[in-house]
Amino acid sequence: MTRALHLSSILPCPRKLDQRKRPPAPAPCDLLIERTRSGLARAKAERAVLGRPVTLDATQRHTVRKELAAGASVSAMARKFATSRQTIMRVRDTGRSVGERARWRVIQVKRVLTGD
């Protein structure tokens, strides 16, 4: 008695064969990253302004630096321009090297400790 061969024993399952033909689907996070990067590239090509809006324009920043150099306090400048102290400190520190910022902070700490 001979045994009949069935094609399913020779050929792989059609579903598995179909899966091997297709490339793997990209993960959802990869699609999200790709869309984000392409959107940012398009926005930059259109010269769109990215990020948060500025709170102080160039003339206000110049005034803040000048008044801080004259001895005004950070808190007073923040109240005057209706912004946060952190914004005023960021304006003060912009354009300075790391060493200059460190020296400025040491001077400020000495003033606080000595009461000047």
C-alpha atoms as a PDB file:
ATOM      1  CA  MET A   1       0.000   0.000   0.000  1.00  0.00           C
ATOM      2  CA  THR A   2       1.368   3.294  -1.004  1.00  0.00           C
ATOM      3  CA  ARG A   3       0.728   6.452   0.884  1.00  0.00           C
ATOM      4  CA  ALA A   4      -0.610   9.439  -1.027  1.00  0.00           C
ATOM      5  CA  LEU A   5       1.199  12.709  -0.538  1.00  0.00           C
ATOM      6  CA  HIS A   6      -0.870  15.751   0.134  1.00  0.00           C
ATOM      7  CA  LEU A   7       0.353  19.104  -1.137  1.00  0.00           C
ATOM      8  CA  SER A   8       0.052  20.631   2.321  1.00  0.00           C
ATOM      9  CA  SER A   9       2.830  18.381   3.529  1.00  0.00           C
ATOM     10  CA  ILE A  10       5.185  19.684   0.814  1.00  0.00           C
ATOM     11  CA  LEU A  11       4.255  23.355   0.570  1.00  0.00           C
ATOM     12  CA  PRO A  12       4.211  25.719   3.512  1.00  0.00           C
ATOM     13  CA  CYS A  13       0.954  27.113   4.789  1.00  0.00           C
ATOM     14  CA  PRO A  14      -0.363  29.763   2.350  1.00  0.00           C
ATOM     15  CA  ARG A  15      -0.796  32.265   5.174  1.00  0.00           C
ATOM     16  CA  LYS A  16       2.847  31.900   6.202  1.00  0.00           C
ATOM     17  CA  LEU A  17       3.974  32.147   2.607  1.00  0.00           C
ATOM     18  CA  ASP A  18       1.990  35.389   2.246  1.00  0.00           C
ATOM     19  CA  GLN A  19       3.565  36.813   5.415  1.00  0.00           C
ATOM     20  CA  ARG A  20       7.047  36.107   4.122  1.00  0.00           C
ATOM     21  CA  LYS A  21       6.394  38.051   0.927  1.00  0.00           C
ATOM     22  CA  ARG A  22       5.398  41.259   2.683  1.00  0.00           C
ATOM     23  CA  PRO A  23       7.951  43.450   4.432  1.00  0.00           C
ATOM     24  CA  PRO A  24       7.298  43.888   8.134  1.00  0.00           C
ATOM     25  CA  ALA A  25       4.901  46.708   8.980  1.00  0.00           C
ATOM     26  CA  PRO A  26       6.525  49.714  10.609  1.00  0.00           C
ATOM     27  CA  ALA A  27       5.809  50.177  14.280  1.00  0.00           C
ATOM     28  CA  PRO A  28       3.302  52.932  15.184  1.00  0.00           C
ATOM     29  CA  CYS A  29       5.984  54.940  17.014  1.00  0.00           C
ATOM     30  CA  ASP A  30       8.161  54.889  13.879  1.00  0.00           C
ATOM     31  CA  LEU A  31       5.287  56.341  11.881  1.00  0.00           C
ATOM     32  CA  LEU A  32       4.768  59.035  14.489  1.00  0.00           C
ATOM     33  CA  ILE A  33       8.458  59.978  14.469  1.00  0.00           C
ATOM     34  CA  GLU A  34       8.498  60.047  10.677  1.00  0.00           C
ATOM     35  CA  ARG A  35       5.417  62.292  10.504  1.00  0.00           C
ATOM     36  CA  THR A  36       6.816  64.631  13.146  1.00  0.00           C
ATOM     37  CA  ARG A  37      10.139  64.987  11.348  1.00  0.00           C
ATOM     38  CA  SER A  38       8.496  65.607   7.988  1.00  0.00           C
ATOM     39  CA  GLY A  39       6.163  68.200   9.553  1.00  0.00           C
ATOM     40  CA  LEU A  40       9.077  70.023  11.176  1.00  0.00           C
ATOM     41  CA  ALA A  41      11.044  69.964   7.924  1.00  0.00           C
ATOM     42  CA  ARG A  42       8.048  71.415   6.055  1.00  0.00           C
ATOM     43  CA  ALA A  43       7.571  74.134   8.684  1.00  0.00           C
ATOM     44  CA  LYS A  44      11.248  75.089   8.531  1.00  0.00           C
ATOM     45  CA  ALA A  45      11.085  75.208   4.734  1.00  0.00           C
ATOM     46  CA  GLU A  46       8.135  77.602   5.031  1.00  0.00           C
ATOM     47  CA  ARG A  47      10.178  79.684   7.514  1.00  0.00           C
ATOM     48  CA  ALA A  48       7.608  79.209  10.249  1.00  0.00           C
ATOM     49  CA  VAL A  49       8.556  80.350  13.747  1.00  0.00           C
ATOM     50  CA  LEU A  50       8.898  77.292  15.982  1.00  0.00           C
ATOM     51  CA  GLY A  51       8.706  77.213  19.752  1.00  0.00           C
ATOM     52  CA  ARG A  52       7.095  79.425  22.349  1.00  0.00           C
ATOM     53  CA  PRO A  53       6.417  83.078  21.601  1.00  0.00           C
ATOM     54  CA  VAL A  54       8.910  85.546  23.085  1.00  0.00           C
ATOM     55  CA  THR A  55       7.754  87.563  26.083  1.00  0.00           C
ATOM     56  CA  LEU A  56      10.224  90.434  25.691  1.00  0.00           C
ATOM     57  CA  ASP A  57      11.174  91.974  22.355  1.00  0.00           C
ATOM     58  CA  ALA A  58      14.714  93.157  21.526  1.00  0.00           C
ATOM     59  CA  THR A  59      14.278  96.697  22.872  1.00  0.00           C
ATOM     60  CA  GLN A  60      12.791  95.417  26.132  1.00  0.00           C
ATOM     61  CA  ARG A  61      15.671  92.950  26.538  1.00  0.00           C
ATOM     62  CA  HIS A  62      18.161  95.777  25.950  1.00  0.00           C
ATOM     63  CA  THR A  63      16.379  97.926  28.566  1.00  0.00           C
ATOM     64  CA  VAL A  64      16.409  95.061  31.066  1.00  0.00           C
ATOM     65  CA  ARG A  65      20.154  94.502  30.618  1.00  0.00           C
ATOM     66  CA  LYS A  66      20.887  98.223  30.917  1.00  0.00           C
ATOM     67  CA  GLU A  67      18.805  98.662  34.072  1.00  0.00           C
ATOM     68  CA  LEU A  68      20.240  95.512  35.674  1.00  0.00           C
ATOM     69  CA  ALA A  69      23.740  96.832  34.997  1.00  0.00           C
ATOM     70  CA  ALA A  70      22.705 100.102  36.669  1.00  0.00           C
ATOM     71  CA  GLY A  71      21.748  98.150  39.793  1.00  0.00           C
ATOM     72  CA  ALA A  72      18.042  97.391  39.461  1.00  0.00           C
ATOM     73  CA  SER A  73      16.859  94.151  41.029  1.00  0.00           C
ATOM     74  CA  VAL A  74      15.637  91.154  39.065  1.00  0.00           C
ATOM     75  CA  SER A  75      12.318  91.213  40.924  1.00  0.00           C
ATOM     76  CA  ALA A  76      11.754  94.891  40.120  1.00  0.00           C
ATOM     77  CA  MET A  77      12.429  94.248  36.427  1.00  0.00           C
ATOM     78  CA  ALA A  78      10.047  91.279  36.441  1.00  0.00           C
ATOM     79  CA  ARG A  79       7.289  93.441  37.945  1.00  0.00           C
ATOM     80  CA  LYS A  80       7.988  96.309  35.546  1.00  0.00           C
ATOM     81  CA  PHE A  81       7.750  94.100  32.434  1.00  0.00           C
ATOM     82  CA  ALA A  82       5.018  91.817  33.834  1.00  0.00           C
ATOM     83  CA  THR A  83       7.027  88.648  33.391  1.00  0.00           C
ATOM     84  CA  SER A  84       8.743  86.063  35.585  1.00  0.00           C
ATOM     85  CA  ARG A  85      12.029  86.472  37.420  1.00  0.00           C
ATOM     86  CA  GLN A  86      13.357  83.493  35.464  1.00  0.00           C
ATOM     87  CA  THR A  87      12.764  85.343  32.191  1.00  0.00           C
ATOM     88  CA  ILE A  88      14.682  88.367  33.483  1.00  0.00           C
ATOM     89  CA  MET A  89      17.554  86.144  34.661  1.00  0.00           C
ATOM     90  CA  ARG A  90      17.617  84.405  31.262  1.00  0.00           C
ATOM     91  CA  VAL A  91      17.842  87.813  29.533  1.00  0.00           C
ATOM     92  CA  ARG A  92      20.601  88.843  31.929  1.00  0.00           C
ATOM     93  CA  ASP A  93      22.593  85.674  31.292  1.00  0.00           C
ATOM     94  CA  THR A  94      22.116  85.538  27.497  1.00  0.00           C
ATOM     95  CA  GLY A  95      25.306  86.288  25.633  1.00  0.00           C
ATOM     96  CA  ARG A  96      27.588  85.637  28.580  1.00  0.00           C
ATOM     97  CA  SER A  97      30.094  82.843  28.765  1.00  0.00           C
ATOM     98  CA  VAL A  98      29.781  80.127  31.396  1.00  0.00           C
ATOM     99  CA  GLY A  99      32.603  81.692  33.402  1.00  0.00           C
ATOM    100  CA  GLU A 100      30.962  85.115  33.397  1.00  0.00           C
ATOM    101  CA  ARG A 101      27.672  83.624  34.556  1.00  0.00           C
ATOM    102  CA  ALA A 102      29.449  81.772  37.363  1.00  0.00           C
ATOM    103  CA  ARG A 103      31.254  84.948  38.479  1.00  0.00           C
ATOM    104  CA  TRP A 104      27.983  86.899  38.385  1.00  0.00           C
ATOM    105  CA  ARG A 105      26.298  84.347  40.606  1.00  0.00           C
ATOM    106  CA  VAL A 106      29.214  84.370  43.070  1.00  0.00           C
ATOM    107  CA  ILE A 107      28.939  88.159  43.288  1.00  0.00           C
ATOM    108  CA  GLN A 108      25.188  87.912  43.868  1.00  0.00           C
ATOM    109  CA  VAL A 109      25.655  85.312  46.632  1.00  0.00           C
ATOM    110  CA  LYS A 110      28.304  87.510  48.306  1.00  0.00           C
ATOM    111  CA  ARG A 111      25.889  90.473  48.186  1.00  0.00           C
ATOM    112  CA  VAL A 112      23.167  88.409  49.817  1.00  0.00           C
ATOM    113  CA  LEU A 113      25.498  87.075  52.512  1.00  0.00           C
ATOM    114  CA  THR A 114      27.014  90.461  53.339  1.00  0.00           C
ATOM    115  CA  GLY A 115      23.712  92.322  53.093  1.00  0.00           C
ATOM    116  CA  ASP A 116      24.839  94.775  50.410  1.00  0.00           C
END
